[in-house]
Amino acid sequence: MPGLQRLRPDHAPAVLAFEEANRAFFAASVPDRGDDYFAHFPARHAALLAEQVTGACHFHVLVADGTDEILGRFNLVDVADGAAELGFRLAEKATRHGLATATVRRLFTLCGASYALTTLRAAATLTNTASRSVLTRTGFVETGEEVVLGGKPGVGYVRDLRPETPAPAPASA
């Protein structure tokens, strides 16, 4: 199973390669990052790391076994009051193997154990059926909130990460 790692400075070359190699694939279902993102990638990467230090977000990469190749990015942003927004993207060659679903589930453990998060929000465009399926399979529920992502209509989701409270035992007579 690929390793889930917190974003570090030395991930920069592999993250850039991941984004460049999958740009057209991503643009088919999520808003394109634009040429400026790639032109100024080193500064953008440094800014993400600086933001991560504040605790306002937690960035993760999914790294292929035995290499430094990035297979996916899984980010928790806008962290506040025990909640965060989940965003993720997986390399085209890594899709259809259950990696996104498995990695989102792995994040749930980190959310509680490392980041004290109890609620995750997410959003996906209506046409992004893969991400919407991952969210549904991992227990996210639609909020009914209509969202717009890069000019495309989407839907909002929420996932309560608190452990379910067992029902009280029946009183004995």
C-alpha atoms as a PDB file:
ATOM      1  CA  MET A   1       0.000   0.000   0.000  1.00  0.00           C
ATOM      2  CA  PRO A   2       1.395   3.415  -0.884  1.00  0.00           C
ATOM      3  CA  GLY A   3       2.472   5.570   2.033  1.00  0.00           C
ATOM      4  CA  LEU A   4       0.552   8.624   3.186  1.00  0.00           C
ATOM      5  CA  GLN A   5       3.028  11.352   4.154  1.00  0.00           C
ATOM      6  CA  ARG A   6       2.652  14.866   5.479  1.00  0.00           C
ATOM      7  CA  LEU A   7       3.825  17.346   2.833  1.00  0.00           C
ATOM      8  CA  ARG A   8       7.499  18.296   3.206  1.00  0.00           C
ATOM      9  CA  PRO A   9       9.904  20.595   1.330  1.00  0.00           C
ATOM     10  CA  ASP A  10      11.629  17.647  -0.371  1.00  0.00           C
ATOM     11  CA  HIS A  11       8.339  16.548  -1.952  1.00  0.00           C
ATOM     12  CA  ALA A  12       8.368  19.608  -4.259  1.00  0.00           C
ATOM     13  CA  PRO A  13       9.900  18.008  -7.394  1.00  0.00           C
ATOM     14  CA  ALA A  14       7.637  14.944  -7.190  1.00  0.00           C
ATOM     15  CA  VAL A  15       4.511  17.035  -6.536  1.00  0.00           C
ATOM     16  CA  LEU A  16       5.278  19.240  -9.531  1.00  0.00           C
ATOM     17  CA  ALA A  17       5.847  16.171 -11.725  1.00  0.00           C
ATOM     18  CA  PHE A  18       2.533  14.704 -10.478  1.00  0.00           C
ATOM     19  CA  GLU A  19       0.616  17.906 -11.260  1.00  0.00           C
ATOM     20  CA  GLU A  20       2.198  18.306 -14.710  1.00  0.00           C
ATOM     21  CA  ALA A  21       1.694  14.666 -15.711  1.00  0.00           C
ATOM     22  CA  ASN A  22      -1.977  14.690 -14.673  1.00  0.00           C
ATOM     23  CA  ARG A  23      -2.982  18.232 -15.606  1.00  0.00           C
ATOM     24  CA  ALA A  24      -5.245  17.293 -18.522  1.00  0.00           C
ATOM     25  CA  PHE A  25      -6.766  14.393 -16.574  1.00  0.00           C
ATOM     26  CA  PHE A  26      -7.587  16.650 -13.625  1.00  0.00           C
ATOM     27  CA  ALA A  27      -8.962  19.440 -15.828  1.00  0.00           C
ATOM     28  CA  ALA A  28     -11.641  17.073 -17.102  1.00  0.00           C
ATOM     29  CA  SER A  29     -13.313  16.992 -13.676  1.00  0.00           C
ATOM     30  CA  VAL A  30     -11.897  19.796 -11.494  1.00  0.00           C
ATOM     31  CA  PRO A  31     -10.943  23.395 -12.206  1.00  0.00           C
ATOM     32  CA  ASP A  32      -7.497  23.697 -13.823  1.00  0.00           C
ATOM     33  CA  ARG A  33      -4.792  25.235 -11.634  1.00  0.00           C
ATOM     34  CA  GLY A  34      -3.720  27.540 -14.460  1.00  0.00           C
ATOM     35  CA  ASP A  35      -0.334  28.307 -15.962  1.00  0.00           C
ATOM     36  CA  ASP A  36       0.621  30.626 -13.085  1.00  0.00           C
ATOM     37  CA  TYR A  37       0.518  27.693 -10.657  1.00  0.00           C
ATOM     38  CA  PHE A  38       3.190  25.854 -12.640  1.00  0.00           C
ATOM     39  CA  ALA A  39       5.264  28.952 -13.410  1.00  0.00           C
ATOM     40  CA  HIS A  40       5.534  29.836  -9.720  1.00  0.00           C
ATOM     41  CA  PHE A  41       5.423  26.361  -8.226  1.00  0.00           C
ATOM     42  CA  PRO A  42       8.441  26.680  -5.862  1.00  0.00           C
ATOM     43  CA  ALA A  43       6.928  29.751  -4.180  1.00  0.00           C
ATOM     44  CA  ARG A  44       3.502  28.116  -4.053  1.00  0.00           C
ATOM     45  CA  HIS A  45       4.943  24.973  -2.429  1.00  0.00           C
ATOM     46  CA  ALA A  46       6.817  27.061   0.150  1.00  0.00           C
ATOM     47  CA  ALA A  47       3.629  29.009   0.923  1.00  0.00           C
ATOM     48  CA  LEU A  48       1.694  25.773   1.510  1.00  0.00           C
ATOM     49  CA  LEU A  49       4.360  24.548   3.921  1.00  0.00           C
ATOM     50  CA  ALA A  50       4.303  27.865   5.794  1.00  0.00           C
ATOM     51  CA  GLU A  51       0.505  27.683   6.040  1.00  0.00           C
ATOM     52  CA  GLN A  52       0.730  24.104   7.290  1.00  0.00           C
ATOM     53  CA  VAL A  53       2.997  25.203  10.152  1.00  0.00           C
ATOM     54  CA  THR A  54       0.200  27.473  11.417  1.00  0.00           C
ATOM     55  CA  GLY A  55      -2.182  24.510  11.757  1.00  0.00           C
ATOM     56  CA  ALA A  56      -4.703  26.103   9.396  1.00  0.00           C
ATOM     57  CA  CYS A  57      -4.268  23.176   7.019  1.00  0.00           C
ATOM     58  CA  HIS A  58      -2.671  19.755   6.733  1.00  0.00           C
ATOM     59  CA  PHE A  59      -1.332  18.649   3.358  1.00  0.00           C
ATOM     60  CA  HIS A  60      -0.574  15.014   2.520  1.00  0.00           C
ATOM     61  CA  VAL A  61       0.835  13.107  -0.413  1.00  0.00           C
ATOM     62  CA  LEU A  62       0.308   9.480  -1.310  1.00  0.00           C
ATOM     63  CA  VAL A  63       3.708   8.085  -2.293  1.00  0.00           C
ATOM     64  CA  ALA A  64       4.266   4.892  -4.302  1.00  0.00           C
ATOM     65  CA  ASP A  65       6.042   2.109  -2.429  1.00  0.00           C
ATOM     66  CA  GLY A  66       9.827   2.240  -2.701  1.00  0.00           C
ATOM     67  CA  THR A  67       9.902   5.456  -4.759  1.00  0.00           C
ATOM     68  CA  ASP A  68       9.330   9.174  -4.397  1.00  0.00           C
ATOM     69  CA  GLU A  69       6.549   9.134  -7.021  1.00  0.00           C
ATOM     70  CA  ILE A  70       3.418  10.973  -5.917  1.00  0.00           C
ATOM     71  CA  LEU A  71       0.197   9.099  -6.655  1.00  0.00           C
ATOM     72  CA  GLY A  72      -2.174  11.523  -4.966  1.00  0.00           C
ATOM     73  CA  ARG A  73      -2.719  14.569  -2.820  1.00  0.00           C
ATOM     74  CA  PHE A  74      -5.077  14.631   0.162  1.00  0.00           C
ATOM     75  CA  ASN A  75      -5.504  17.991   1.844  1.00  0.00           C
ATOM     76  CA  LEU A  76      -7.329  19.243   4.903  1.00  0.00           C
ATOM     77  CA  VAL A  77      -7.803  23.002   4.638  1.00  0.00           C
ATOM     78  CA  ASP A  78      -9.607  25.770   6.501  1.00  0.00           C
ATOM     79  CA  VAL A  79      -9.098  23.983   9.808  1.00  0.00           C
ATOM     80  CA  ALA A  80     -11.120  25.653  12.570  1.00  0.00           C
ATOM     81  CA  ASP A  81     -13.250  24.597  15.517  1.00  0.00           C
ATOM     82  CA  GLY A  82     -12.681  20.869  14.962  1.00  0.00           C
ATOM     83  CA  ALA A  83     -13.646  20.978  11.284  1.00  0.00           C
ATOM     84  CA  ALA A  84     -11.811  21.079   7.961  1.00  0.00           C
ATOM     85  CA  GLU A  85     -12.448  20.905   4.239  1.00  0.00           C
ATOM     86  CA  LEU A  86     -11.159  17.770   2.468  1.00  0.00           C
ATOM     87  CA  GLY A  87      -9.786  17.978  -1.045  1.00  0.00           C
ATOM     88  CA  PHE A  88      -8.067  15.185  -2.945  1.00  0.00           C
ATOM     89  CA  ARG A  89      -6.781  14.207  -6.363  1.00  0.00           C
ATOM     90  CA  LEU A  90      -5.326  10.950  -7.590  1.00  0.00           C
ATOM     91  CA  ALA A  91      -3.042  10.321 -10.566  1.00  0.00           C
ATOM     92  CA  GLU A  92      -4.876   8.890 -13.554  1.00  0.00           C
ATOM     93  CA  LYS A  93      -2.771   5.722 -13.497  1.00  0.00           C
ATOM     94  CA  ALA A  94      -3.689   5.140  -9.825  1.00  0.00           C
ATOM     95  CA  THR A  95      -7.458   5.343 -10.299  1.00  0.00           C
ATOM     96  CA  ARG A  96      -9.836   2.374 -10.201  1.00  0.00           C
ATOM     97  CA  HIS A  97      -7.799   0.522  -7.572  1.00  0.00           C
ATOM     98  CA  GLY A  98      -9.597   1.763  -4.449  1.00  0.00           C
ATOM     99  CA  LEU A  99      -6.660   3.985  -3.419  1.00  0.00           C
ATOM    100  CA  ALA A 100      -8.676   7.172  -3.021  1.00  0.00           C
ATOM    101  CA  THR A 101     -11.280   5.433  -0.860  1.00  0.00           C
ATOM    102  CA  ALA A 102      -8.659   3.677   1.270  1.00  0.00           C
ATOM    103  CA  THR A 103      -6.628   6.863   1.694  1.00  0.00           C
ATOM    104  CA  VAL A 104      -9.621   8.975   2.714  1.00  0.00           C
ATOM    105  CA  ARG A 105     -10.412   6.338   5.344  1.00  0.00           C
ATOM    106  CA  ARG A 106      -6.783   6.478   6.546  1.00  0.00           C
ATOM    107  CA  LEU A 107      -7.133  10.240   6.872  1.00  0.00           C
ATOM    108  CA  PHE A 108     -10.023   9.780   9.291  1.00  0.00           C
ATOM    109  CA  THR A 109      -7.589   8.274  11.799  1.00  0.00           C
ATOM    110  CA  LEU A 110      -5.180  11.181  11.384  1.00  0.00           C
ATOM    111  CA  CYS A 111      -8.032  13.648  11.728  1.00  0.00           C
ATOM    112  CA  GLY A 112      -8.894  12.430  15.202  1.00  0.00           C
ATOM    113  CA  ALA A 113      -5.520  11.307  16.517  1.00  0.00           C
ATOM    114  CA  SER A 114      -3.285  14.073  15.172  1.00  0.00           C
ATOM    115  CA  TYR A 115      -5.474  17.040  14.286  1.00  0.00           C
ATOM    116  CA  ALA A 116      -8.422  16.900  16.737  1.00  0.00           C
ATOM    117  CA  LEU A 117     -10.930  17.122  13.900  1.00  0.00           C
ATOM    118  CA  THR A 118     -14.483  15.890  14.361  1.00  0.00           C
ATOM    119  CA  THR A 119     -16.064  17.065  11.110  1.00  0.00           C
ATOM    120  CA  LEU A 120     -14.958  17.084   7.482  1.00  0.00           C
ATOM    121  CA  ARG A 121     -16.626  18.972   4.676  1.00  0.00           C
ATOM    122  CA  ALA A 122     -16.018  18.333   0.980  1.00  0.00           C
ATOM    123  CA  ALA A 123     -17.406  19.377  -2.390  1.00  0.00           C
ATOM    124  CA  ALA A 124     -17.307  17.957  -5.892  1.00  0.00           C
ATOM    125  CA  THR A 125     -18.627  19.045  -9.253  1.00  0.00           C
ATOM    126  CA  LEU A 126     -21.718  17.219 -10.412  1.00  0.00           C
ATOM    127  CA  THR A 127     -19.704  15.727 -13.280  1.00  0.00           C
ATOM    128  CA  ASN A 128     -16.953  14.404 -10.994  1.00  0.00           C
ATOM    129  CA  THR A 129     -18.582  11.043 -10.367  1.00  0.00           C
ATOM    130  CA  ALA A 130     -15.342   9.434  -9.173  1.00  0.00           C
ATOM    131  CA  SER A 131     -14.858  11.870  -6.295  1.00  0.00           C
ATOM    132  CA  ARG A 132     -18.533  11.817  -5.445  1.00  0.00           C
ATOM    133  CA  SER A 133     -18.383   8.005  -5.252  1.00  0.00           C
ATOM    134  CA  VAL A 134     -15.336   8.112  -2.964  1.00  0.00           C
ATOM    135  CA  LEU A 135     -17.104  10.558  -0.663  1.00  0.00           C
ATOM    136  CA  THR A 136     -20.252   8.429  -0.515  1.00  0.00           C
ATOM    137  CA  ARG A 137     -18.309   5.179   0.062  1.00  0.00           C
ATOM    138  CA  THR A 138     -16.433   6.773   2.965  1.00  0.00           C
ATOM    139  CA  GLY A 139     -19.550   7.938   4.781  1.00  0.00           C
ATOM    140  CA  PHE A 140     -19.922  11.522   3.597  1.00  0.00           C
ATOM    141  CA  VAL A 141     -23.502  12.661   3.109  1.00  0.00           C
ATOM    142  CA  GLU A 142     -24.773  15.340   0.791  1.00  0.00           C
ATOM    143  CA  THR A 143     -25.622  18.569   2.578  1.00  0.00           C
ATOM    144  CA  GLY A 144     -28.099  19.773  -0.022  1.00  0.00           C
ATOM    145  CA  GLU A 145     -25.937  22.854  -0.399  1.00  0.00           C
ATOM    146  CA  GLU A 146     -25.388  23.857  -4.008  1.00  0.00           C
ATOM    147  CA  VAL A 147     -21.809  24.879  -4.655  1.00  0.00           C
ATOM    148  CA  VAL A 148     -19.921  26.229  -7.636  1.00  0.00           C
ATOM    149  CA  LEU A 149     -16.388  24.977  -8.257  1.00  0.00           C
ATOM    150  CA  GLY A 150     -14.461  26.757 -10.986  1.00  0.00           C
ATOM    151  CA  GLY A 151     -17.725  27.876 -12.561  1.00  0.00           C
ATOM    152  CA  LYS A 152     -19.152  24.341 -12.543  1.00  0.00           C
ATOM    153  CA  PRO A 153     -22.144  23.299 -10.419  1.00  0.00           C
ATOM    154  CA  GLY A 154     -21.377  20.966  -7.566  1.00  0.00           C
ATOM    155  CA  VAL A 155     -22.637  19.530  -4.345  1.00  0.00           C
ATOM    156  CA  GLY A 156     -21.435  19.814  -0.762  1.00  0.00           C
ATOM    157  CA  TYR A 157     -20.806  16.903   1.595  1.00  0.00           C
ATOM    158  CA  VAL A 158     -20.165  16.461   5.313  1.00  0.00           C
ATOM    159  CA  ARG A 159     -18.754  13.617   7.415  1.00  0.00           C
ATOM    160  CA  ASP A 160     -19.025  13.398  11.201  1.00  0.00           C
ATOM    161  CA  LEU A 161     -15.848  11.744  12.503  1.00  0.00           C
ATOM    162  CA  ARG A 162     -16.956  11.294  16.100  1.00  0.00           C
ATOM    163  CA  PRO A 163     -17.352   7.687  17.175  1.00  0.00           C
ATOM    164  CA  GLU A 164     -20.920   6.525  17.237  1.00  0.00           C
ATOM    165  CA  THR A 165     -22.363   6.374  20.713  1.00  0.00           C
ATOM    166  CA  PRO A 166     -23.779   2.931  21.397  1.00  0.00           C
ATOM    167  CA  ALA A 167     -27.428   2.786  22.314  1.00  0.00           C
ATOM    168  CA  PRO A 168     -27.994   2.406  26.068  1.00  0.00           C
ATOM    169  CA  ALA A 169     -28.616  -1.128  27.251  1.00  0.00           C
ATOM    170  CA  PRO A 170     -32.234  -1.872  28.073  1.00  0.00           C
ATOM    171  CA  ALA A 171     -33.077  -1.549  31.738  1.00  0.00           C
ATOM    172  CA  SER A 172     -33.592  -4.862  33.453  1.00  0.00           C
ATOM    173  CA  ALA A 173     -36.858  -5.392  35.289  1.00  0.00           C
END
